[in-house]
């Protein structure tokens, strides 16, 4: 196994690359074309861990993860929240008034409508934000610009003409950090997340009774996503994130209820909460606390 290497989906300088560097300072980041390739990199020993995007505060869930995680053979050992801060990038010497076209990923394009409108720029959708930065650097044409991370600009020798060009300032992506070796915290540890996947039995009220088990045991559910099981219109699979350790009395009772009304269930990971969650709670409650995403694990 290649120690201290973490794989991600995307080109160098992508937001997933930025997330890897924040969560694992000093580690080597390994770019991969797809999520499946990032998972394979861990199995093949080319990386010790992988950083997999699972949801975004604006775009919602990342669909590929639902189909890949159940059969990936990896354990979720941590989570990381990465703020998405888009920069307008161009070749050195370019002025904003020189630009005619902006290149970026389709999701990012939908997040910079104000920039496009204010400067009357033509949008050109590309496969990746960091890939767009690479192309703009290669073209060396002041009429072409990219919207990507500051890291993508640095890696490709581009000038940042404008920081934070995104329309929404709360744009954040959540990632699962996965490994072949589970690193489950102690049962009495605080601030723990558990991720489960399950198929409810095809009977009336099965999902209601599953969720009721979490409610009656005072378990906070932070995520519940549904999707169809391959080739089966009668079976729905659910991916769930809850707060707590599965060996704690309350969560173990809730999981027992889930298993009774499910055809199949599996715990994908038990891991420490990101400090980002407590930061959000403090903001909501009107208090403040300084945290750093580099502490995510």
Protein backbone atom coordinates (compact mmCIF):
# COMPACT_ATOMS: atom_id res chain seq x y z
CA UNK A 1 0.00 0.00 0.00
CA UNK A 2 1.18 3.50 -0.84
CA UNK A 3 1.16 5.23 2.54
CA UNK A 4 0.02 8.84 2.95
CA UNK A 5 -1.59 8.98 -0.50
CA UNK A 6 -5.26 9.87 -0.97
CA UNK A 7 -7.15 9.40 -4.25
CA UNK A 8 -9.88 11.66 -5.60
CA UNK A 9 -12.04 12.03 -8.70
CA UNK A 10 -10.98 14.93 -10.92
CA UNK A 11 -8.00 16.76 -12.33
CA UNK A 12 -5.21 18.32 -10.20
CA UNK A 13 -6.60 21.46 -8.62
CA UNK A 14 -10.20 20.21 -8.50
CA UNK A 15 -12.20 20.94 -5.35
CA UNK A 16 -11.78 17.28 -4.40
CA UNK A 17 -8.01 17.79 -4.61
CA UNK A 18 -8.40 20.85 -2.38
CA UNK A 19 -10.45 18.78 0.07
CA UNK A 20 -7.73 16.10 0.19
CA UNK A 21 -5.05 18.68 0.95
CA UNK A 22 -7.18 20.25 3.71
CA UNK A 23 -8.15 16.97 5.37
CA UNK A 24 -4.77 15.26 4.93
CA UNK A 25 -2.02 17.95 5.03
CA UNK A 26 1.27 16.73 3.61
CA UNK A 27 -0.24 13.70 1.87
CA UNK A 28 0.19 13.00 -1.84
CA UNK A 29 -3.05 13.51 -3.77
CA UNK A 30 -3.81 11.06 -6.59
CA UNK A 31 -6.14 12.32 -9.38
CA UNK A 32 -8.48 9.74 -10.94
CA UNK A 33 -10.87 9.98 -13.89
CA UNK A 34 -13.86 8.47 -12.06
CA UNK A 35 -15.07 7.61 -8.56
CA UNK A 36 -14.69 3.93 -9.46
CA UNK A 37 -11.04 4.51 -10.35
CA UNK A 38 -10.45 6.29 -7.03
CA UNK A 39 -11.95 3.29 -5.19
CA UNK A 40 -9.83 0.88 -7.25
CA UNK A 41 -6.72 2.90 -6.37
CA UNK A 42 -7.28 2.00 -2.71
CA UNK A 43 -7.89 -1.69 -3.47
CA UNK A 44 -4.80 -1.82 -5.69
CA UNK A 45 -2.61 -0.22 -3.03
CA UNK A 46 -1.89 2.93 -5.03
CA UNK A 47 -3.61 5.00 -2.33
CA UNK A 48 -4.23 4.53 1.37
CA UNK A 49 -7.55 6.38 1.33
CA UNK A 50 -9.98 8.01 -1.11
CA UNK A 51 -11.98 11.24 -0.88
CA UNK A 52 -15.47 10.77 -2.38
CA UNK A 53 -17.91 13.65 -2.83
CA UNK A 54 -21.36 12.63 -1.58
CA UNK A 55 -23.51 15.78 -1.46
CA UNK A 56 -23.45 19.52 -2.14
CA UNK A 57 -25.44 22.25 -0.39
CA UNK A 58 -26.64 23.60 -3.77
CA UNK A 59 -26.58 20.69 -6.22
CA UNK A 60 -27.77 18.00 -3.78
CA UNK A 61 -26.56 14.41 -3.77
CA UNK A 62 -23.82 12.92 -5.93
CA UNK A 63 -25.67 10.02 -7.65
CA UNK A 64 -22.68 7.77 -8.43
CA UNK A 65 -21.88 7.30 -4.75
CA UNK A 66 -25.19 5.51 -4.08
CA UNK A 67 -24.38 2.75 -6.54
CA UNK A 68 -20.65 2.51 -5.82
CA UNK A 69 -20.44 2.57 -2.02
CA UNK A 70 -22.52 -0.55 -1.21
CA UNK A 71 -20.23 -2.77 -3.28
CA UNK A 72 -16.99 -0.83 -2.90
CA UNK A 73 -15.60 -3.01 -0.12
CA UNK A 74 -14.35 0.08 1.70
CA UNK A 75 -15.28 1.62 5.05
CA UNK A 76 -16.13 5.26 5.66
CA UNK A 77 -13.60 6.48 8.25
CA UNK A 78 -14.30 10.20 8.15
CA UNK A 79 -16.12 13.11 6.60
CA UNK A 80 -14.93 16.46 5.27
CA UNK A 81 -16.78 19.63 4.34
CA UNK A 82 -15.13 21.78 1.68
CA UNK A 83 -16.23 25.33 0.97
CA UNK A 84 -16.52 25.89 -2.79
CA UNK A 85 -14.99 29.26 -3.63
CA UNK A 86 -14.97 29.91 -7.38
CA UNK A 87 -12.28 32.13 -8.90
CA UNK A 88 -12.24 33.77 -12.32
CA UNK A 89 -8.94 32.64 -13.86
CA UNK A 90 -7.11 33.86 -16.98
CA UNK A 91 -3.63 33.94 -18.47
CA UNK A 92 -1.29 36.54 -16.95
CA UNK A 93 -1.78 40.06 -18.29
CA UNK A 94 -5.49 39.56 -19.01
CA UNK A 95 -8.03 42.19 -17.95
CA UNK A 96 -11.66 41.32 -17.27
CA UNK A 97 -12.78 43.41 -20.22
CA UNK A 98 -10.62 41.21 -22.51
CA UNK A 99 -12.61 38.07 -21.69
CA UNK A 100 -15.34 36.83 -24.03
CA UNK A 101 -15.89 33.23 -22.93
CA UNK A 102 -15.89 31.46 -19.56
CA UNK A 103 -15.17 27.71 -19.31
CA UNK A 104 -16.18 25.55 -16.34
CA UNK A 105 -18.17 22.50 -15.24
CA UNK A 106 -21.95 22.57 -15.79
CA UNK A 107 -22.72 22.66 -12.05
CA UNK A 108 -20.28 25.52 -11.48
CA UNK A 109 -21.72 27.37 -14.47
CA UNK A 110 -25.12 27.38 -12.82
CA UNK A 111 -23.54 28.97 -9.76
CA UNK A 112 -22.03 32.02 -11.52
CA UNK A 113 -25.01 33.50 -13.33
CA UNK A 114 -24.33 36.93 -11.82
CA UNK A 115 -20.79 36.98 -13.23
CA UNK A 116 -21.99 35.97 -16.70
CA UNK A 117 -24.69 38.63 -16.65
CA UNK A 118 -22.58 41.48 -15.27
CA UNK A 119 -19.74 41.04 -17.76
CA UNK A 120 -21.83 39.68 -20.69
CA UNK A 121 -19.69 36.55 -20.97
CA UNK A 122 -20.47 33.51 -23.11
CA UNK A 123 -20.65 30.29 -21.04
CA UNK A 124 -18.84 27.20 -22.35
CA UNK A 125 -19.45 23.99 -20.38
CA UNK A 126 -16.46 21.70 -19.82
CA UNK A 127 -16.04 18.29 -18.13
CA UNK A 128 -14.30 19.62 -15.03
CA UNK A 129 -13.46 22.92 -13.32
CA UNK A 130 -9.76 22.12 -13.00
CA UNK A 131 -9.73 20.73 -16.55
CA UNK A 132 -11.13 24.05 -17.77
CA UNK A 133 -8.23 25.83 -16.07
CA UNK A 134 -5.76 23.50 -17.79
CA UNK A 135 -7.28 24.27 -21.20
CA UNK A 136 -7.28 28.04 -20.68
CA UNK A 137 -3.61 27.88 -19.71
CA UNK A 138 -2.81 25.81 -22.81
CA UNK A 139 -4.71 28.16 -25.17
CA UNK A 140 -2.90 31.24 -23.77
CA UNK A 141 -5.68 33.45 -25.15
CA UNK A 142 -6.90 36.46 -23.09
CA UNK A 143 -10.40 36.03 -24.54
CA UNK A 144 -10.77 32.69 -22.70
CA UNK A 145 -11.22 32.38 -18.93
CA UNK A 146 -12.00 29.58 -16.49
CA UNK A 147 -13.92 29.39 -13.26
CA UNK A 148 -12.24 27.01 -10.85
CA UNK A 149 -10.47 26.89 -7.50
CA UNK A 150 -7.55 29.08 -6.48
CA UNK A 151 -5.47 25.88 -6.37
CA UNK A 152 -6.29 25.14 -10.03
CA UNK A 153 -5.12 28.64 -10.93
CA UNK A 154 -1.85 28.23 -9.04
CA UNK A 155 -1.10 24.80 -10.54
CA UNK A 156 -1.70 26.09 -14.07
CA UNK A 157 0.03 29.47 -13.77
CA UNK A 158 -3.16 31.49 -14.19
CA UNK A 159 -3.99 34.89 -12.73
CA UNK A 160 -6.98 35.30 -10.42
CA UNK A 161 -9.01 38.21 -11.78
CA UNK A 162 -11.82 37.88 -9.26
CA UNK A 163 -12.33 35.84 -6.08
CA UNK A 164 -15.65 34.33 -4.92
CA UNK A 165 -17.60 34.77 -8.15
CA UNK A 166 -20.23 32.23 -7.01
CA UNK A 167 -23.76 33.54 -6.52
CA UNK A 168 -24.27 31.71 -3.18
CA UNK A 169 -21.76 32.09 -0.37
CA UNK A 170 -22.86 28.89 1.40
CA UNK A 171 -21.80 26.54 -1.42
CA UNK A 172 -20.22 23.57 0.38
CA UNK A 173 -19.48 19.98 -0.66
CA UNK A 174 -19.44 17.09 1.79
CA UNK A 175 -17.08 14.17 1.26
CA UNK A 176 -16.76 10.67 2.66
CA UNK A 177 -13.19 9.58 3.42
CA UNK A 178 -12.89 5.83 2.79
CA UNK A 179 -10.30 3.15 3.45
CA UNK A 180 -9.92 -0.64 3.28
CA UNK A 181 -9.37 -0.70 7.03
CA UNK A 182 -12.20 0.42 9.29
CA UNK A 183 -11.22 2.77 12.10
CA UNK A 184 -14.32 2.64 14.32
CA UNK A 185 -14.15 4.96 17.35
CA UNK A 186 -14.77 3.67 20.87
CA UNK A 187 -18.41 3.07 21.81
CA UNK A 188 -18.34 5.88 24.39
CA UNK A 189 -16.78 8.44 22.02
CA UNK A 190 -18.63 11.71 21.52
CA UNK A 191 -19.72 13.40 18.27
CA UNK A 192 -19.93 10.23 16.15
CA UNK A 193 -21.63 9.66 12.79
CA UNK A 194 -22.90 6.32 11.48
CA UNK A 195 -23.72 5.71 7.81
CA UNK A 196 -26.05 2.83 6.91
CA UNK A 197 -27.59 1.43 3.77
CA UNK A 198 -30.73 -0.72 3.81
CA UNK A 199 -33.56 -2.16 1.74
CA UNK A 200 -36.96 -2.09 3.43
CA UNK A 201 -39.22 -5.14 3.21
CA UNK A 202 -41.97 -4.80 0.62
CA UNK A 203 -44.80 -4.53 3.17
CA UNK A 204 -47.08 -1.63 4.13
CA UNK A 205 -45.58 0.77 6.66
CA UNK A 206 -42.07 -0.75 6.64
CA UNK A 207 -40.27 2.56 6.13
CA UNK A 208 -42.54 4.30 8.65
CA UNK A 209 -41.64 1.72 11.27
CA UNK A 210 -37.94 1.89 10.46
CA UNK A 211 -37.90 5.67 10.89
CA UNK A 212 -40.06 5.41 13.99
CA UNK A 213 -37.33 3.40 15.68
CA UNK A 214 -34.93 6.30 15.31
CA UNK A 215 -37.49 8.84 16.52
CA UNK A 216 -38.49 6.89 19.64
CA UNK A 217 -34.83 6.36 20.55
CA UNK A 218 -34.04 10.07 20.14
CA UNK A 219 -31.58 9.57 17.25
CA UNK A 220 -30.91 12.57 15.04
CA UNK A 221 -31.00 11.68 11.34
CA UNK A 222 -28.98 14.11 9.18
CA UNK A 223 -29.43 12.47 5.79
CA UNK A 224 -31.86 10.04 4.14
CA UNK A 225 -31.62 9.34 0.41
CA UNK A 226 -33.67 6.83 -1.57
CA UNK A 227 -33.02 5.19 -4.93
CA UNK A 228 -34.18 2.14 -6.81
CA UNK A 229 -32.36 -1.16 -6.47
CA UNK A 230 -31.04 -2.26 -9.88
CA UNK A 231 -33.63 -4.24 -11.86
CA UNK A 232 -36.25 -4.22 -9.11
CA UNK A 233 -39.15 -1.74 -9.14
CA UNK A 234 -40.54 -3.20 -5.90
CA UNK A 235 -37.43 -2.58 -3.79
CA UNK A 236 -36.09 0.77 -2.67
CA UNK A 237 -32.66 1.24 -1.16
CA UNK A 238 -31.95 3.95 1.40
CA UNK A 239 -28.69 5.61 2.41
CA UNK A 240 -28.82 7.14 5.90
CA UNK A 241 -26.51 9.24 8.08
CA UNK A 242 -27.34 9.43 11.79
CA UNK A 243 -25.63 10.86 14.83
CA UNK A 244 -24.37 8.34 17.35
CA UNK A 245 -22.41 5.11 17.73
CA UNK A 246 -24.12 1.80 16.79
CA UNK A 247 -22.94 0.25 20.06
CA UNK A 248 -24.64 2.94 22.16
CA UNK A 249 -27.90 1.76 23.80
CA UNK A 250 -30.16 4.17 21.89
CA UNK A 251 -28.74 3.69 18.40
CA UNK A 252 -28.38 -0.07 18.81
CA UNK A 253 -32.13 -0.27 19.56
CA UNK A 254 -32.95 1.86 16.52
CA UNK A 255 -30.78 -0.32 14.29
CA UNK A 256 -32.44 -3.47 15.65
CA UNK A 257 -35.80 -2.01 14.62
CA UNK A 258 -34.39 -1.18 11.19
CA UNK A 259 -33.05 -4.70 10.70
CA UNK A 260 -36.40 -6.25 11.63
CA UNK A 261 -38.26 -4.33 8.90
CA UNK A 262 -35.48 -4.54 6.28
CA UNK A 263 -34.58 -7.23 3.79
CA UNK A 264 -30.94 -6.23 3.97
CA UNK A 265 -28.92 -3.66 5.90
CA UNK A 266 -25.25 -2.77 6.25
CA UNK A 267 -23.21 -0.25 8.22
CA UNK A 268 -20.86 1.51 5.79
CA UNK A 269 -18.93 3.45 8.41
CA UNK A 270 -18.68 4.75 11.97
CA UNK A 271 -16.55 7.87 12.25
CA UNK A 272 -15.94 11.15 14.05
CA UNK A 273 -18.07 14.12 13.03
CA UNK A 274 -16.35 16.93 11.20
CA UNK A 275 -15.82 20.08 13.32
CA UNK A 276 -17.81 21.82 10.58
CA UNK A 277 -21.02 20.34 12.01
CA UNK A 278 -20.41 21.92 15.41
CA UNK A 279 -19.51 25.20 13.74
CA UNK A 280 -22.86 25.25 11.96
CA UNK A 281 -24.65 24.42 15.22
CA UNK A 282 -22.89 27.29 16.98
CA UNK A 283 -23.88 29.73 14.23
CA UNK A 284 -27.50 28.60 14.46
CA UNK A 285 -27.54 28.97 18.24
CA UNK A 286 -25.99 32.43 18.07
CA UNK A 287 -22.55 31.52 19.45
CA UNK A 288 -19.23 31.39 17.65
CA UNK A 289 -16.38 28.91 17.58
CA UNK A 290 -13.24 28.80 15.49
CA UNK A 291 -12.68 25.49 13.71
CA UNK A 292 -10.53 24.30 10.85
CA UNK A 293 -11.51 21.79 8.18
CA UNK A 294 -7.97 20.43 8.20
CA UNK A 295 -8.89 18.63 11.42
CA UNK A 296 -11.45 16.44 9.65
CA UNK A 297 -10.62 12.75 9.83
